Amino acid sequence: MHASVPLARLRTEERESRLLFAGLFAIFLPIAAAARVLPRRWRPAPLGPQGRRSILGEAKAAASTIIPFVYMG
């Protein structure tokens, strides 16, 4: 935490970040659910070394992957 940044600004940025994550999660949740109903050959490859995740885990991973790109200049 930087001493020069007001606490109110940090709270606002944290709230924006959480709202952004919630919005992206809401977008990716139906996509992850739809991917489960697709035939096996049409499904995307498993994410990461741990293989297939739960639907909630896949939506969370997708939302977490996108967030850094939103804050790039």
N, C-alpha and C. Protein backbone atom coordinates (compact mmCIF):
# COMPACT_ATOMS: atom_id res chain seq x y z
N MET A 1 0.85 -1.17 0.00
CA MET A 1 0.00 0.00 0.00
C MET A 1 0.89 1.23 0.00
N HIS A 2 0.57 2.18 -0.85
CA HIS A 2 1.35 3.41 -0.93
C HIS A 2 0.79 4.43 0.05
N ALA A 3 1.68 5.12 0.73
CA ALA A 3 1.25 6.10 1.72
C ALA A 3 0.60 7.31 1.05
N SER A 4 0.96 7.59 -0.21
CA SER A 4 0.45 8.78 -0.87
C SER A 4 -0.95 8.58 -1.48
N VAL A 5 -1.42 7.34 -1.55
CA VAL A 5 -2.74 7.08 -2.13
C VAL A 5 -3.79 7.09 -1.02
N PRO A 6 -4.80 7.93 -1.16
CA PRO A 6 -5.84 7.99 -0.12
C PRO A 6 -6.58 6.66 0.01
N LEU A 7 -6.98 6.35 1.22
CA LEU A 7 -7.67 5.09 1.51
C LEU A 7 -8.98 4.98 0.74
N ALA A 8 -9.68 6.08 0.58
CA ALA A 8 -10.95 6.06 -0.16
C ALA A 8 -10.74 5.65 -1.61
N ARG A 9 -9.65 6.09 -2.21
CA ARG A 9 -9.35 5.72 -3.60
C ARG A 9 -9.03 4.23 -3.70
N LEU A 10 -8.29 3.72 -2.73
CA LEU A 10 -7.98 2.29 -2.74
C LEU A 10 -9.25 1.46 -2.62
N ARG A 11 -10.16 1.88 -1.78
CA ARG A 11 -11.43 1.16 -1.61
C ARG A 11 -12.26 1.22 -2.90
N THR A 12 -12.25 2.36 -3.56
CA THR A 12 -12.98 2.50 -4.82
C THR A 12 -12.39 1.57 -5.88
N GLU A 13 -11.07 1.53 -5.97
CA GLU A 13 -10.42 0.66 -6.95
C GLU A 13 -10.68 -0.81 -6.63
N GLU A 14 -10.70 -1.16 -5.36
CA GLU A 14 -10.99 -2.54 -4.97
C GLU A 14 -12.43 -2.90 -5.34
N ARG A 15 -13.35 -1.99 -5.11
CA ARG A 15 -14.76 -2.23 -5.45
C ARG A 15 -14.91 -2.39 -6.96
N GLU A 16 -14.23 -1.56 -7.74
CA GLU A 16 -14.29 -1.66 -9.20
C GLU A 16 -13.74 -3.00 -9.67
N SER A 17 -12.65 -3.41 -9.05
CA SER A 17 -12.04 -4.69 -9.42
C SER A 17 -12.97 -5.86 -9.12
N ARG A 18 -13.61 -5.82 -7.98
CA ARG A 18 -14.55 -6.90 -7.61
C ARG A 18 -15.77 -6.92 -8.53
N LEU A 19 -16.28 -5.74 -8.87
CA LEU A 19 -17.42 -5.68 -9.79
C LEU A 19 -17.04 -6.18 -11.18
N LEU A 20 -15.84 -5.83 -11.61
CA LEU A 20 -15.35 -6.31 -12.90
C LEU A 20 -15.24 -7.83 -12.90
N PHE A 21 -14.67 -8.37 -11.83
CA PHE A 21 -14.54 -9.83 -11.74
C PHE A 21 -15.92 -10.49 -11.74
N ALA A 22 -16.87 -9.93 -10.99
CA ALA A 22 -18.21 -10.51 -10.93
C ALA A 22 -18.89 -10.47 -12.30
N GLY A 23 -18.71 -9.38 -13.02
CA GLY A 23 -19.29 -9.28 -14.36
C GLY A 23 -18.68 -10.29 -15.33
N LEU A 24 -17.35 -10.41 -15.30
CA LEU A 24 -16.69 -11.38 -16.17
C LEU A 24 -17.05 -12.80 -15.79
N PHE A 25 -17.16 -13.06 -14.50
CA PHE A 25 -17.56 -14.39 -14.04
C PHE A 25 -18.95 -14.74 -14.56
N ALA A 26 -19.85 -13.75 -14.51
CA ALA A 26 -21.22 -13.96 -15.00
C ALA A 26 -21.24 -14.23 -16.50
N ILE A 27 -20.31 -13.66 -17.23
CA ILE A 27 -20.22 -13.91 -18.67
C ILE A 27 -19.67 -15.31 -18.94
N PHE A 28 -18.61 -15.68 -18.22
CA PHE A 28 -17.93 -16.95 -18.50
C PHE A 28 -18.62 -18.17 -17.91
N LEU A 29 -19.49 -17.98 -16.93
CA LEU A 29 -20.18 -19.13 -16.33
C LEU A 29 -21.07 -19.85 -17.34
N PRO A 30 -21.93 -19.16 -18.11
CA PRO A 30 -22.72 -19.90 -19.10
C PRO A 30 -21.87 -20.48 -20.22
N ILE A 31 -20.75 -19.83 -20.53
CA ILE A 31 -19.86 -20.37 -21.56
C ILE A 31 -19.25 -21.69 -21.08
N ALA A 32 -18.82 -21.73 -19.82
CA ALA A 32 -18.25 -22.97 -19.27
C ALA A 32 -19.31 -24.06 -19.19
N ALA A 33 -20.54 -23.67 -18.86
CA ALA A 33 -21.62 -24.66 -18.80
C ALA A 33 -21.95 -25.18 -20.19
N ALA A 34 -21.96 -24.31 -21.17
CA ALA A 34 -22.24 -24.73 -22.55
C ALA A 34 -21.15 -25.64 -23.08
N ALA A 35 -19.91 -25.38 -22.67
CA ALA A 35 -18.80 -26.22 -23.13
C ALA A 35 -18.95 -27.65 -22.62
N ARG A 36 -19.60 -27.82 -21.49
CA ARG A 36 -19.80 -29.17 -20.94
C ARG A 36 -20.82 -29.98 -21.73
N VAL A 37 -21.74 -29.29 -22.41
CA VAL A 37 -22.77 -30.01 -23.16
C VAL A 37 -22.34 -30.32 -24.59
N LEU A 38 -21.27 -29.70 -25.02
CA LEU A 38 -20.77 -29.96 -26.36
C LEU A 38 -20.23 -31.38 -26.47
N PRO A 39 -20.28 -31.96 -27.66
CA PRO A 39 -19.62 -33.26 -27.84
C PRO A 39 -18.14 -33.16 -27.50
N ARG A 40 -17.57 -34.24 -27.04
CA ARG A 40 -16.19 -34.24 -26.55
C ARG A 40 -15.18 -33.68 -27.56
N ARG A 41 -15.36 -33.96 -28.81
CA ARG A 41 -14.38 -33.48 -29.81
C ARG A 41 -14.48 -31.98 -30.04
N TRP A 42 -15.59 -31.34 -29.69
CA TRP A 42 -15.75 -29.90 -29.85
C TRP A 42 -15.33 -29.12 -28.62
N ARG A 43 -15.11 -29.79 -27.52
CA ARG A 43 -14.76 -29.11 -26.27
C ARG A 43 -13.36 -28.53 -26.36
N PRO A 44 -13.15 -27.40 -25.69
CA PRO A 44 -11.79 -26.85 -25.63
C PRO A 44 -10.88 -27.76 -24.81
N ALA A 45 -9.59 -27.63 -25.04
CA ALA A 45 -8.61 -28.44 -24.32
C ALA A 45 -8.65 -28.09 -22.83
N PRO A 46 -8.33 -29.03 -21.96
CA PRO A 46 -8.29 -28.74 -20.51
C PRO A 46 -7.31 -27.62 -20.20
N LEU A 47 -7.65 -26.82 -19.23
CA LEU A 47 -6.79 -25.70 -18.84
C LEU A 47 -5.78 -26.13 -17.80
N GLY A 48 -4.52 -25.90 -18.08
CA GLY A 48 -3.48 -26.14 -17.10
C GLY A 48 -3.14 -27.59 -16.87
N PRO A 49 -2.14 -27.81 -16.02
CA PRO A 49 -1.66 -29.17 -15.76
C PRO A 49 -2.63 -30.01 -14.93
N GLN A 50 -3.55 -29.39 -14.21
CA GLN A 50 -4.47 -30.14 -13.37
C GLN A 50 -5.63 -30.73 -14.16
N GLY A 51 -5.73 -30.44 -15.44
CA GLY A 51 -6.79 -31.01 -16.26
C GLY A 51 -8.09 -30.25 -16.10
N ARG A 52 -9.18 -30.97 -16.20
CA ARG A 52 -10.51 -30.36 -16.18
C ARG A 52 -10.88 -29.88 -14.78
N ARG A 53 -11.50 -28.72 -14.71
CA ARG A 53 -11.97 -28.15 -13.45
C ARG A 53 -13.48 -28.23 -13.39
N SER A 54 -14.02 -27.80 -12.29
CA SER A 54 -15.47 -27.68 -12.19
C SER A 54 -15.92 -26.51 -13.07
N ILE A 55 -17.21 -26.42 -13.31
CA ILE A 55 -17.72 -25.32 -14.12
C ILE A 55 -17.41 -23.98 -13.46
N LEU A 56 -17.58 -23.92 -12.15
CA LEU A 56 -17.27 -22.68 -11.43
C LEU A 56 -15.78 -22.37 -11.49
N GLY A 57 -14.95 -23.41 -11.39
CA GLY A 57 -13.50 -23.22 -11.47
C GLY A 57 -13.06 -22.72 -12.83
N GLU A 58 -13.69 -23.25 -13.89
CA GLU A 58 -13.35 -22.80 -15.24
C GLU A 58 -13.77 -21.34 -15.45
N ALA A 59 -14.94 -20.96 -14.96
CA ALA A 59 -15.40 -19.57 -15.09
C ALA A 59 -14.50 -18.63 -14.30
N LYS A 60 -14.11 -19.04 -13.11
CA LYS A 60 -13.22 -18.21 -12.28
C LYS A 60 -11.86 -18.05 -12.93
N ALA A 61 -11.31 -19.13 -13.49
CA ALA A 61 -10.01 -19.07 -14.15
C ALA A 61 -10.07 -18.16 -15.38
N ALA A 62 -11.14 -18.24 -16.14
CA ALA A 62 -11.27 -17.40 -17.33
C ALA A 62 -11.39 -15.92 -16.94
N ALA A 63 -12.19 -15.62 -15.93
CA ALA A 63 -12.33 -14.23 -15.48
C ALA A 63 -11.02 -13.70 -14.92
N SER A 64 -10.31 -14.52 -14.17
CA SER A 64 -9.02 -14.09 -13.59
C SER A 64 -7.97 -13.88 -14.66
N THR A 65 -8.08 -14.59 -15.77
CA THR A 65 -7.12 -14.44 -16.86
C THR A 65 -7.34 -13.13 -17.61
N ILE A 66 -8.56 -12.69 -17.72
CA ILE A 66 -8.90 -11.49 -18.48
C ILE A 66 -8.61 -10.20 -17.71
N ILE A 67 -8.77 -10.20 -16.41
CA ILE A 67 -8.67 -8.97 -15.61
C ILE A 67 -7.36 -8.20 -15.82
N PRO A 68 -6.18 -8.82 -15.84
CA PRO A 68 -4.97 -8.02 -16.05
C PRO A 68 -4.97 -7.26 -17.38
N PHE A 69 -5.60 -7.80 -18.40
CA PHE A 69 -5.63 -7.14 -19.69
C PHE A 69 -6.51 -5.90 -19.68
N VAL A 70 -7.48 -5.87 -18.79
CA VAL A 70 -8.36 -4.72 -18.69
C VAL A 70 -7.58 -3.51 -18.16
N TYR A 71 -6.65 -3.75 -17.27
CA TYR A 71 -5.90 -2.65 -16.66
C TYR A 71 -4.66 -2.24 -17.43
N MET A 72 -4.38 -2.91 -18.53
CA MET A 72 -3.23 -2.51 -19.36
C MET A 72 -3.60 -1.24 -20.12
N GLY A 73 -2.68 -0.34 -20.20
CA GLY A 73 -2.85 0.95 -20.73
C GLY A 73 -3.36 1.16 -22.04
